[in-house]
Protein backbone atom coordinates (compact mmCIF):
# COMPACT_ATOMS: atom_id res chain seq x y z
CA UNK A 1 0.07 0.33 0.06
CA UNK A 2 1.84 3.14 -1.06
CA UNK A 3 1.79 6.23 1.38
CA UNK A 4 -1.27 8.32 0.04
CA UNK A 5 -3.56 5.28 0.01
CA UNK A 6 -2.39 4.84 3.53
CA UNK A 7 -2.82 8.20 5.02
CA UNK A 8 -6.35 8.12 3.35
CA UNK A 9 -7.64 4.89 4.59
CA UNK A 10 -6.32 6.07 8.21
CA UNK A 11 -7.69 9.17 7.77
CA UNK A 12 -11.21 7.12 6.96
CA UNK A 13 -10.40 5.23 9.88
CA UNK A 14 -10.52 8.03 12.33
CA UNK A 15 -13.07 9.76 10.93
CA UNK A 16 -15.48 7.22 11.25
CA UNK A 17 -14.47 7.06 14.95
CA UNK A 18 -14.63 10.62 15.35
CA UNK A 19 -17.95 10.77 14.13
CA UNK A 20 -19.33 8.32 16.65
CA UNK A 21 -17.65 9.64 19.41
CA UNK A 22 -18.22 13.22 18.53
CA UNK A 23 -21.97 12.91 19.15
CA UNK A 24 -21.50 10.47 22.26
CA UNK A 25 -19.15 13.04 23.67
CA UNK A 26 -21.56 15.87 22.92
CA UNK A 27 -24.65 14.01 24.46
CA UNK A 28 -22.69 12.81 27.23
CA UNK A 29 -21.70 16.33 28.38
CA UNK A 30 -25.28 17.42 28.34
CA UNK A 31 -25.96 14.35 30.76
CA UNK A 32 -23.08 15.05 32.97
CA UNK A 33 -23.88 19.06 33.08
CA UNK A 34 -27.64 17.97 34.03
CA UNK A 35 -26.91 15.42 36.57
CA UNK A 36 -23.68 17.38 38.06
CA UNK A 37 -24.99 20.76 37.92
CA UNK A 38 -23.24 23.95 36.75
CA UNK A 39 -21.12 24.16 39.87
CA UNK A 40 -19.99 20.51 40.45
CA UNK A 41 -19.20 20.52 36.64
CA UNK A 42 -17.34 23.39 36.94
CA UNK A 43 -15.38 21.95 39.85
CA UNK A 44 -14.43 19.08 37.60
CA UNK A 45 -13.25 21.15 34.81
CA UNK A 46 -11.49 23.04 37.07
CA UNK A 47 -9.53 20.63 38.79
CA UNK A 48 -9.10 18.83 35.25
CA UNK A 49 -7.47 21.94 34.38
CA UNK A 50 -5.18 22.02 37.05
CA UNK A 51 -4.09 18.69 36.52
CA UNK A 52 -3.40 19.13 32.88
CA UNK A 53 -1.39 21.97 33.10
CA UNK A 54 0.68 20.35 35.98
CA UNK A 55 1.14 17.40 34.06
CA UNK A 56 2.18 19.18 30.57
CA UNK A 57 5.42 16.51 30.45
CA UNK A 58 3.33 13.92 29.28
CA UNK A 59 2.47 15.77 26.15
CA UNK A 60 6.23 16.86 25.36
CA UNK A 61 7.16 13.38 26.02
CA UNK A 62 4.50 11.56 23.58
CA UNK A 63 5.50 14.01 21.13
CA UNK A 64 9.39 13.23 21.24
CA UNK A 65 8.79 9.31 21.28
CA UNK A 66 6.39 9.46 18.31
CA UNK A 67 9.08 11.26 16.43
CA UNK A 68 11.87 9.14 17.53
CA UNK A 69 9.96 6.44 16.71
CA UNK A 70 8.60 7.22 13.26
CA UNK A 71 12.18 8.70 12.26
CA UNK A 72 14.35 5.41 12.76
CA UNK A 73 10.76 3.21 11.23
CA UNK A 74 11.69 5.71 7.97
CA UNK A 75 15.55 5.25 8.67
CA UNK A 76 14.89 1.52 8.36
CA UNK A 77 17.15 1.33 12.02
CA UNK A 78 15.44 -1.52 14.05
CA UNK A 79 18.64 -1.14 16.75
CA UNK A 80 17.67 2.39 17.14
CA UNK A 81 14.15 1.40 17.31
CA UNK A 82 13.96 -0.68 20.17
CA UNK A 83 17.12 1.46 22.23
CA UNK A 84 14.10 4.39 21.48
CA UNK A 85 11.40 2.58 23.14
CA UNK A 86 13.33 1.30 25.74
CA UNK A 87 14.82 4.39 26.77
CA UNK A 88 11.04 5.79 26.86
CA UNK A 89 9.51 3.13 28.74
CA UNK A 90 12.23 4.22 31.54
CA UNK A 91 11.77 7.44 31.17
CA UNK A 92 8.08 7.76 31.82
CA UNK A 93 8.18 5.66 34.46
CA UNK A 94 10.42 8.19 36.09
CA UNK A 95 8.46 11.16 35.09
CA UNK A 96 5.22 9.44 36.16
CA UNK A 97 6.44 9.16 39.39
CA UNK A 98 8.12 12.72 39.50
CA UNK A 99 4.65 14.18 38.35
CA UNK A 100 2.93 12.18 41.12
CA UNK A 101 4.77 13.86 43.77
CA UNK A 102 4.58 17.30 42.15
CA UNK A 103 0.63 16.94 41.84
CA UNK A 104 0.46 15.76 45.86
CA UNK A 105 2.99 18.68 46.82
CA UNK A 106 0.96 21.08 44.80
CA UNK A 107 -2.28 19.83 46.15
CA UNK A 108 -1.42 20.64 49.58
CA UNK A 109 -1.80 24.58 48.11
CA UNK A 110 -4.14 24.53 45.79
CA UNK A 111 -6.92 23.73 48.01
CA UNK A 112 -5.87 26.05 50.71
CA UNK A 113 -7.28 29.10 49.26
CA UNK A 114 -5.52 29.07 45.64
CA UNK A 115 -8.72 27.67 43.81
CA UNK A 116 -11.95 29.80 44.24
CA UNK A 117 -14.65 26.57 45.13
CA UNK A 118 -17.17 26.43 47.64
CA UNK A 119 -16.03 25.46 50.79
CA UNK A 120 -18.83 22.67 51.46
CA UNK A 121 -17.20 21.19 47.79
CA UNK A 122 -13.44 21.08 48.50
CA UNK A 123 -13.48 17.81 50.47
CA UNK A 124 -15.01 16.47 47.04
CA UNK A 125 -12.70 18.27 44.86
CA UNK A 126 -9.80 16.84 46.95
CA UNK A 127 -10.91 13.46 45.93
CA UNK A 128 -11.33 14.52 42.49
CA UNK A 129 -8.04 15.41 42.41
CA UNK A 130 -6.52 12.14 44.07
CA UNK A 131 -8.09 10.20 41.20
CA UNK A 132 -6.84 12.27 38.23
CA UNK A 133 -3.58 11.93 39.88
CA UNK A 134 -4.08 8.27 39.34
CA UNK A 135 -5.25 8.33 36.02
CA UNK A 136 -2.27 11.17 35.11
CA UNK A 137 0.13 8.23 36.31
CA UNK A 138 -1.21 5.17 33.90
CA UNK A 139 -1.37 7.75 30.78
CA UNK A 140 1.83 8.60 31.44
CA UNK A 141 3.65 5.33 31.19
CA UNK A 142 1.33 4.26 28.20
CA UNK A 143 2.89 7.13 26.00
CA UNK A 144 5.75 4.57 24.63
CA UNK A 145 2.64 2.49 23.36
CA UNK A 146 0.47 5.14 22.15
CA UNK A 147 3.60 6.60 20.35
CA UNK A 148 4.36 3.27 18.46
CA UNK A 149 0.84 2.53 17.54
CA UNK A 150 0.39 5.74 15.69
CA UNK A 151 4.20 5.52 14.27
CA UNK A 152 3.36 2.36 12.77
CA UNK A 153 -0.06 3.95 11.43
CA UNK A 154 -2.22 1.15 13.33
CA UNK A 155 -5.42 3.44 13.01
CA UNK A 156 -8.13 1.18 12.86
CA UNK A 157 -7.27 -0.11 16.18
CA UNK A 158 -6.86 3.02 17.62
CA UNK A 159 -10.29 3.95 16.10
CA UNK A 160 -11.94 1.03 17.71
CA UNK A 161 -10.59 1.49 21.11
CA UNK A 162 -11.35 5.57 20.84
CA UNK A 163 -14.88 4.29 19.96
CA UNK A 164 -15.24 1.84 22.95
CA UNK A 165 -13.82 4.36 25.20
CA UNK A 166 -16.81 6.92 24.06
CA UNK A 167 -19.50 4.23 24.49
CA UNK A 168 -17.69 3.40 28.10
CA UNK A 169 -18.04 7.65 28.93
CA UNK A 170 -21.82 7.65 27.83
CA UNK A 171 -22.59 4.43 30.12
CA UNK A 172 -20.66 6.44 33.09
CA UNK A 173 -22.94 9.60 32.60
CA UNK A 174 -25.70 7.79 32.48
CA UNK A 175 -25.13 6.03 35.32
CA UNK A 176 -24.82 9.35 36.95
CA UNK A 177 -28.75 10.08 36.57
CA UNK A 178 -29.21 7.28 38.88
CA UNK A 179 -26.68 7.59 41.32
CA UNK A 180 -27.83 8.52 45.05
CA UNK A 181 -24.33 9.45 46.52
CA UNK A 182 -21.87 12.29 45.52
CA UNK A 183 -21.91 11.94 41.72
CA UNK A 184 -18.97 14.20 41.12
CA UNK A 185 -16.69 11.65 43.20
CA UNK A 186 -18.32 8.94 41.39
CA UNK A 187 -17.81 10.66 38.19
CA UNK A 188 -14.02 10.71 38.73
CA UNK A 189 -13.65 7.52 39.81
CA UNK A 190 -15.35 5.83 37.09
CA UNK A 191 -13.16 8.24 34.94
CA UNK A 192 -10.09 7.25 36.39
CA UNK A 193 -11.15 3.34 36.40
CA UNK A 194 -11.68 3.60 32.56
CA UNK A 195 -8.44 5.33 31.87
CA UNK A 196 -6.47 2.63 33.49
CA UNK A 197 -8.60 0.00 31.35
CA UNK A 198 -7.99 1.63 28.01
CA UNK A 199 -4.37 2.13 28.67
CA UNK A 200 -3.67 -1.77 29.80
CA UNK A 201 -5.60 -2.89 26.50
CA UNK A 202 -3.36 -0.67 23.86
CA UNK A 203 -0.33 -2.06 26.30
CA UNK A 204 -1.28 -5.49 25.77
CA UNK A 205 -1.85 -4.76 22.05
CA UNK A 206 1.49 -3.39 21.77
CA UNK A 207 3.02 -6.28 23.13
CA UNK A 208 1.84 -8.82 21.08
CA UNK A 209 2.03 -6.60 17.46
CA UNK A 210 5.33 -5.00 17.49
CA UNK A 211 9.06 -6.38 17.39
CA UNK A 212 10.19 -3.39 19.49
CA UNK A 213 7.68 -3.88 22.39
CA UNK A 214 8.78 -7.17 22.87
CA UNK A 215 12.48 -7.47 22.15
CA UNK A 216 13.87 -3.89 23.95
CA UNK A 217 14.80 -5.64 26.98
CA UNK A 218 17.62 -7.37 25.48
CA UNK A 219 18.71 -4.25 23.95
CA UNK A 220 21.50 -1.97 25.06
CA UNK A 221 20.49 1.04 27.21
CA UNK A 222 21.75 4.19 24.68
CA UNK A 223 22.87 6.97 27.09
CA UNK A 224 23.52 8.96 24.40
CA UNK A 225 20.05 8.30 22.71
CA UNK A 226 18.50 8.96 26.08
CA UNK A 227 20.31 12.48 26.75
CA UNK A 228 18.95 13.33 23.10
CA UNK A 229 15.71 12.19 23.67
CA UNK A 230 15.90 14.26 27.08
CA UNK A 231 17.02 17.36 25.41
CA UNK A 232 14.40 16.98 22.38
CA UNK A 233 11.60 16.57 25.22
CA UNK A 234 12.89 19.44 27.11
CA UNK A 235 12.31 21.87 24.82
CA UNK A 236 8.68 20.36 23.69
CA UNK A 237 7.85 20.35 27.45
CA UNK A 238 8.35 24.39 27.41
CA UNK A 239 5.90 24.54 24.65
CA UNK A 240 3.64 22.17 25.89
CA UNK A 241 3.62 23.99 29.09
CA UNK A 242 3.00 27.14 27.23
CA UNK A 243 0.39 25.73 25.40
CA UNK A 244 -1.60 24.36 28.02
CA UNK A 245 -1.09 27.70 29.87
CA UNK A 246 -2.51 29.12 27.11
CA UNK A 247 -5.95 27.50 27.72
CA UNK A 248 -6.07 26.29 31.06
CA UNK A 249 -4.44 29.13 32.60
CA UNK A 250 -6.88 31.05 31.31
CA UNK A 251 -9.49 28.83 33.20
CA UNK A 252 -7.61 29.60 36.34
CA UNK A 253 -7.43 33.49 35.67
CA UNK A 254 -11.38 33.30 34.95
CA UNK A 255 -11.96 30.90 38.12
CA UNK A 256 -10.07 33.71 40.23
CA UNK A 257 -12.23 36.68 39.04
CA UNK A 258 -15.80 34.85 38.55
CA UNK A 259 -15.96 31.54 40.29
CA UNK A 260 -16.71 27.98 39.15
CA UNK A 261 -19.75 28.80 37.21
CA UNK A 262 -17.63 30.91 34.38
CA UNK A 263 -15.70 27.25 34.18
CA UNK A 264 -18.54 25.63 33.28
CA UNK A 265 -18.99 27.69 30.44
CA UNK A 266 -15.38 27.99 29.36
CA UNK A 267 -15.35 23.91 30.23
CA UNK A 268 -18.53 23.59 27.39
CA UNK A 269 -16.22 25.80 24.98
CA UNK A 270 -13.47 23.34 25.42
CA UNK A 271 -15.64 20.31 24.73
CA UNK A 272 -17.06 21.89 21.46
CA UNK A 273 -13.53 23.11 20.51
CA UNK A 274 -12.15 19.81 20.99
CA UNK A 275 -14.94 17.88 19.06
CA UNK A 276 -14.52 20.15 16.12
CA UNK A 277 -10.83 20.23 16.04
CA UNK A 278 -10.90 16.26 15.76
CA UNK A 279 -12.21 16.84 12.00
CA UNK A 280 -8.57 18.36 11.37
CA UNK A 281 -6.61 16.51 13.88
CA UNK A 282 -7.53 13.14 12.58
CA UNK A 283 -5.82 13.98 9.16
CA UNK A 284 -3.13 15.40 10.81
CA UNK A 285 -2.68 12.11 13.10
CA UNK A 286 -2.53 10.12 9.94
CA UNK A 287 -0.14 12.43 8.10
CA UNK A 288 2.62 13.00 11.20
CA UNK A 289 4.04 9.33 10.78
CA UNK A 290 4.54 10.01 7.02
CA UNK A 291 5.93 13.54 7.36
CA UNK A 292 8.45 12.12 9.99
CA UNK A 293 9.24 9.21 8.21
CA UNK A 294 10.18 10.98 4.69
CA UNK A 295 12.38 13.16 6.77
CA UNK A 296 13.97 10.21 8.26
CA UNK A 297 14.60 8.50 4.81
CA UNK A 298 15.98 12.03 3.47
CA UNK A 299 12.88 13.17 1.80
CA UNK A 300 12.74 16.78 2.53
CA UNK A 301 10.56 17.81 -0.76
CA UNK A 302 8.05 15.11 0.19
CA UNK A 303 8.22 16.40 3.81
CA UNK A 304 7.31 20.00 3.22
CA UNK A 305 4.56 18.88 0.53
CA UNK A 306 3.02 16.72 3.32
CA UNK A 307 3.19 19.24 6.01
CA UNK A 308 1.74 21.76 3.71
CA UNK A 309 -0.92 19.40 2.98
CA UNK A 310 -1.53 18.84 6.37
CA UNK A 311 -2.30 22.86 7.08
CA UNK A 312 -4.31 22.86 3.85
CA UNK A 313 -6.74 20.04 3.95
CA UNK A 314 -6.82 20.19 7.69
CA UNK A 315 -7.95 23.82 7.60
CA UNK A 316 -11.04 23.01 4.96
CA UNK A 317 -12.13 19.96 7.44
CA UNK A 318 -12.61 21.99 10.21
CA UNK A 319 -13.83 25.12 8.50
CA UNK A 320 -16.67 23.09 6.96
CA UNK A 321 -18.10 22.38 10.26
CA UNK A 322 -16.70 25.07 12.53
CA UNK A 323 -17.76 28.01 10.63
CA UNK A 324 -21.81 27.17 10.21
CA UNK A 325 -21.43 26.50 14.30
CA UNK A 326 -19.95 29.85 14.56
CA UNK A 327 -23.05 31.25 12.78
CA UNK A 328 -25.35 29.31 14.40
CA UNK A 329 -23.97 28.80 18.13
CA UNK A 330 -26.75 29.97 20.00
CA UNK A 331 -29.13 27.83 18.48
CA UNK A 332 -27.03 24.73 18.55
CA UNK A 333 -26.34 25.28 22.32
CA UNK A 334 -30.19 25.77 23.25
CA UNK A 335 -30.79 22.65 21.41
CA UNK A 336 -27.99 21.05 23.04
CA UNK A 337 -28.05 21.92 26.89
CA UNK A 338 -31.18 23.74 27.06
CA UNK A 339 -29.58 25.66 30.22
CA UNK A 340 -26.76 27.60 28.43
CA UNK A 341 -24.39 28.88 31.20
CA UNK A 342 -23.37 32.76 30.59
CA UNK A 343 -20.71 33.60 28.32
CA UNK A 344 -20.87 29.87 26.81
CA UNK A 345 -21.51 31.24 23.17
CA UNK A 346 -18.75 33.86 23.01
CA UNK A 347 -16.36 31.46 24.56
CA UNK A 348 -17.52 28.57 21.89
CA UNK A 349 -17.08 30.97 19.03
CA UNK A 350 -13.79 32.62 20.35
CA UNK A 351 -12.17 28.89 20.38
CA UNK A 352 -13.30 27.76 17.43
CA UNK A 353 -11.78 31.20 15.52
CA UNK A 354 -8.48 30.32 17.65
CA UNK A 355 -8.56 26.65 16.06
CA UNK A 356 -9.54 27.66 12.55
CA UNK A 357 -6.32 30.23 12.70
CA UNK A 358 -3.99 27.72 14.24
CA UNK A 359 -4.94 25.17 11.62
CA UNK A 360 -3.30 27.62 8.96
CA UNK A 361 0.48 26.23 10.01
CA UNK A 362 -0.33 23.27 11.65
CA UNK A 363 1.61 21.15 9.56
CA UNK A 364 4.92 23.54 10.22
CA UNK A 365 4.42 22.31 13.88
CA UNK A 366 5.50 18.55 12.54
CA UNK A 367 7.79 19.61 9.88
CA UNK A 368 10.24 21.39 12.22
CA UNK A 369 9.76 18.68 14.76
CA UNK A 370 10.83 16.13 12.02
CA UNK A 371 14.13 17.85 11.74
CA UNK A 372 14.68 17.92 15.30
CA UNK A 373 15.95 21.22 15.20
CA UNK A 374 13.20 22.72 17.98
CA UNK A 375 15.47 24.39 20.45
CA UNK A 376 14.85 27.99 18.71
CA UNK A 377 11.36 27.45 17.99
CA UNK A 378 9.98 26.26 20.92
CA UNK A 379 10.80 28.92 23.17
CA UNK A 380 9.53 32.04 21.36
CA UNK A 381 6.54 30.18 19.92
CA UNK A 382 5.39 28.84 23.17
CA UNK A 383 6.09 32.16 24.81
CA UNK A 384 3.75 33.94 22.84
CA UNK A 385 0.93 31.91 23.76
CA UNK A 386 1.94 31.96 27.68
CA UNK A 387 1.67 36.00 27.39
CA UNK A 388 -1.99 35.32 27.32
CA UNK A 389 -1.87 34.64 31.03
CA UNK A 390 -0.65 37.78 32.40
CA UNK A 391 -2.48 39.68 29.86
CA UNK A 392 -5.91 38.63 30.72
CA UNK A 393 -5.41 38.84 34.04
CA UNK A 394 -4.15 42.43 33.54
CA UNK A 395 -7.60 43.13 31.59
CA UNK A 396 -9.82 41.52 33.81
CA UNK A 397 -8.10 43.40 36.47
CA UNK A 398 -9.13 46.80 34.97
CA UNK A 399 -12.69 45.57 34.94
CA UNK A 400 -13.24 44.05 31.69
CA UNK A 401 -15.50 41.42 31.36
CA UNK A 402 -14.82 37.73 30.72
CA UNK A 403 -15.13 38.05 26.89
CA UNK A 404 -12.44 40.10 26.76
CA UNK A 405 -10.28 37.29 27.65
CA UNK A 406 -10.81 35.06 24.92
CA UNK A 407 -10.69 38.30 22.31
CA UNK A 408 -6.98 38.58 23.64
CA UNK A 409 -6.51 34.89 22.62
CA UNK A 410 -7.61 35.54 19.25
CA UNK A 411 -4.90 38.39 18.82
CA UNK A 412 -2.11 36.27 20.31
CA UNK A 413 -2.66 32.87 18.04
CA UNK A 414 -2.36 35.50 15.34
CA UNK A 415 1.03 36.43 16.09
CA UNK A 416 1.71 32.87 17.00
CA UNK A 417 0.63 32.14 13.38
CA UNK A 418 3.11 34.55 12.05
CA UNK A 419 6.23 32.83 14.06
CA UNK A 420 5.35 29.78 12.98
CA UNK A 421 5.55 30.69 9.61
CA UNK A 422 8.78 32.18 10.14
CA UNK A 423 10.27 29.00 11.61
CA UNK A 424 9.09 27.22 9.21
CA UNK A 425 10.80 28.29 6.73
CA UNK A 426 13.92 29.11 8.45
CA UNK A 427 14.57 25.70 9.75
CA UNK A 428 12.27 23.48 7.34
CA UNK A 429 13.81 25.53 4.38
CA UNK A 430 9.98 25.98 3.12
CA UNK A 431 9.64 28.97 0.50
CA UNK A 432 7.41 31.65 1.46
CA UNK A 433 5.73 31.85 -1.88
CA UNK A 434 4.88 28.08 -1.67
CA UNK A 435 3.58 28.90 1.51
CA UNK A 436 1.30 31.66 0.26
CA UNK A 437 0.37 29.72 -3.00
CA UNK A 438 0.00 26.21 -1.83
CA UNK A 439 -1.81 26.94 1.76
CA UNK A 440 -2.79 30.59 2.60
CA UNK A 441 -4.82 31.52 -0.70
CA UNK A 442 -6.39 28.02 -1.52
CA UNK A 443 -7.65 28.14 2.15
CA UNK A 444 -8.51 31.79 2.44
CA UNK A 445 -10.54 32.95 -0.75
CA UNK A 446 -12.84 29.96 -1.11
CA UNK A 447 -13.45 30.74 2.84
CA UNK A 448 -14.41 34.13 2.62
CA UNK A 449 -16.82 33.81 -0.48
CA UNK A 450 -18.56 30.94 1.40
CA UNK A 451 -18.73 33.26 4.39
CA UNK A 452 -20.02 36.04 2.19
CA UNK A 453 -22.78 33.82 0.43
CA UNK A 454 -23.58 32.46 3.54
CA UNK A 455 -24.37 35.53 5.29
CA UNK A 456 -26.20 36.56 2.82
CA UNK A 457 -28.58 33.67 3.39
CA UNK A 458 -28.98 34.50 6.84
CA UNK A 459 -29.38 37.80 6.86
CA UNK A 460 -33.01 36.81 4.98
CA UNK A 461 -33.61 34.15 7.51
CA UNK A 462 -32.43 36.35 10.47
CA UNK A 463 -35.88 36.90 12.31
CA UNK A 464 -35.74 33.27 12.80
CA UNK A 465 -33.73 31.12 14.95
CA UNK A 466 -34.77 27.09 15.01
CA UNK A 467 -33.67 24.04 13.83
CA UNK A 468 -35.02 24.20 9.99
CA UNK A 469 -32.79 27.62 9.87
CA UNK A 470 -30.08 25.78 11.02
CA UNK A 471 -30.40 22.69 8.77
CA UNK A 472 -30.71 25.24 5.99
CA UNK A 473 -27.83 27.14 6.87
CA UNK A 474 -25.38 24.17 7.32
CA UNK A 475 -26.65 22.59 4.18
CA UNK A 476 -25.80 26.17 2.28
CA UNK A 477 -22.61 26.50 3.47
CA UNK A 478 -21.51 22.57 3.07
CA UNK A 479 -22.60 23.20 -0.69
CA UNK A 480 -21.09 26.44 -1.51
CA UNK A 481 -17.72 25.53 0.60
CA UNK A 482 -17.63 22.01 -1.02
CA UNK A 483 -17.81 23.64 -4.53
CA UNK A 484 -15.36 26.79 -4.14
CA UNK A 485 -12.55 24.61 -2.15
CA UNK A 486 -12.61 22.34 -5.47
CA UNK A 487 -12.71 24.92 -8.11
CA UNK A 488 -10.54 27.19 -6.30
CA UNK A 489 -8.64 25.58 -3.36
CA UNK A 490 -6.97 22.34 -4.99
CA UNK A 491 -4.62 22.32 -7.78
CA UNK A 492 -4.42 19.85 -10.64
CA UNK A 493 -2.82 16.96 -9.22
CA UNK A 494 -5.28 17.14 -5.90
CA UNK A 495 -8.15 17.13 -8.29
CA UNK A 496 -7.17 14.37 -9.85
CA UNK A 497 -6.68 12.39 -6.42
CA UNK A 498 -10.22 13.19 -5.23
CA UNK A 499 -11.53 12.29 -8.50
CA UNK A 500 -9.89 9.15 -8.15
CA UNK A 501 -11.01 8.83 -4.86
CA UNK A 502 -14.16 9.35 -5.54
CA UNK A 503 -14.71 7.19 -8.68
CA UNK A 504 -13.00 4.33 -6.53
CA UNK A 505 -15.60 4.61 -3.94
CA UNK A 506 -18.44 4.96 -6.47
CA UNK A 507 -17.60 1.92 -7.90
CA UNK A 508 -16.95 -0.18 -4.84
CA UNK A 509 -20.56 0.79 -3.88
CA UNK A 510 -22.09 -0.34 -7.23
CA UNK A 511 -20.53 -3.78 -6.64
CA UNK A 512 -21.73 -4.15 -3.62
């Protein structure tokens, strides 16, 4: 199977998983919000945000491990591959223990006046925190196995497990409805148990399927490789800290000024954004191993082509669903949640706009990671995002509303986008003219025209806001956007590929 077909097939698996998981997750969120109430739901999202912010090292190491495994798979170096996996297993065991210690020490201060939580709910919040620490430890130690699955592009298995996990989460949400005791604590216990179960299943699969997961114990521990991976992960660690700080840090700032109810609104916005962002993230997930493998095999031209393709088509997939949702957000939230917390609409719209901006340069991240030269990129790009926290705190201190925070985040994302383009050119040697012609213009022009068309349609429907109007808006957008993307947004070779893909699928359906 060639690389293009593999990417398309894996993307299909991931989208199948995503569509099922998205609807289950959104429905589950509605059940959980109603079962817990806005206050407890806000407490859960606040504590989860603290865990995510303090466990940023996990994300950095996951990216680093996948990069090295994919790179040496591309280079066909089995000895280095075994050493990478062994080094990764040892590093993540040590990191897991250190993170647990750090979280336990942090917990002594977080619940002693730092977090704005009602006094009568502090004992429950502490228990939630402990169960999340358990989940974090197992998640960290499973990173080498998750990275191996992605690097080997076994995304059918990844998709099946993802769907099963979504159904389990739905079952947990339904269980809360009938629970008699503290639902917040029960929710945390069940989620921690599910995390452990999923991690064990993935680890067993890797041991049975991949050679390096069996033979790594016999390989010699490569201290220079460990040092290199630690250095690489350290820079990723800083970048991950800044990225999480730009979202979860904002949650803490909002909590400081407005309490836990505002965290419920921000948590819902993050849920919506994460589900929609998965439309483009799944393509990125399928492309990343190929981008890094091409760099490992010395094919820089193909690596840059794939990284630009990730940004362009990822943007198309996200915009297809995100832009009509941005337009119809009040109606969607009312149909979905019924009781919509204040500020949820502006939070949801703003986070989706941020994701669209980020998508324009998402391929740069993997391209720079593939080169291994991240020590300049990560500090500058990360610091730009981290500035969200002090700027937001200052703005709220001046008496501005909560919505001003997400407006600031949009502005800082534009600055971050420009820095990503600069480093894409400087480190990965991409030509600016190629980026403008291959990514920026093909995405921006059809999107602007489509927005103008749908705005005119929506103008005539303005007095109404119901399910029928929502359906008309979405269908009109989809048709207009599909046509303009195909005509304006794809080049000749991409049109030929899409034509072959559609023809192949049509013939397959006829045979069936």
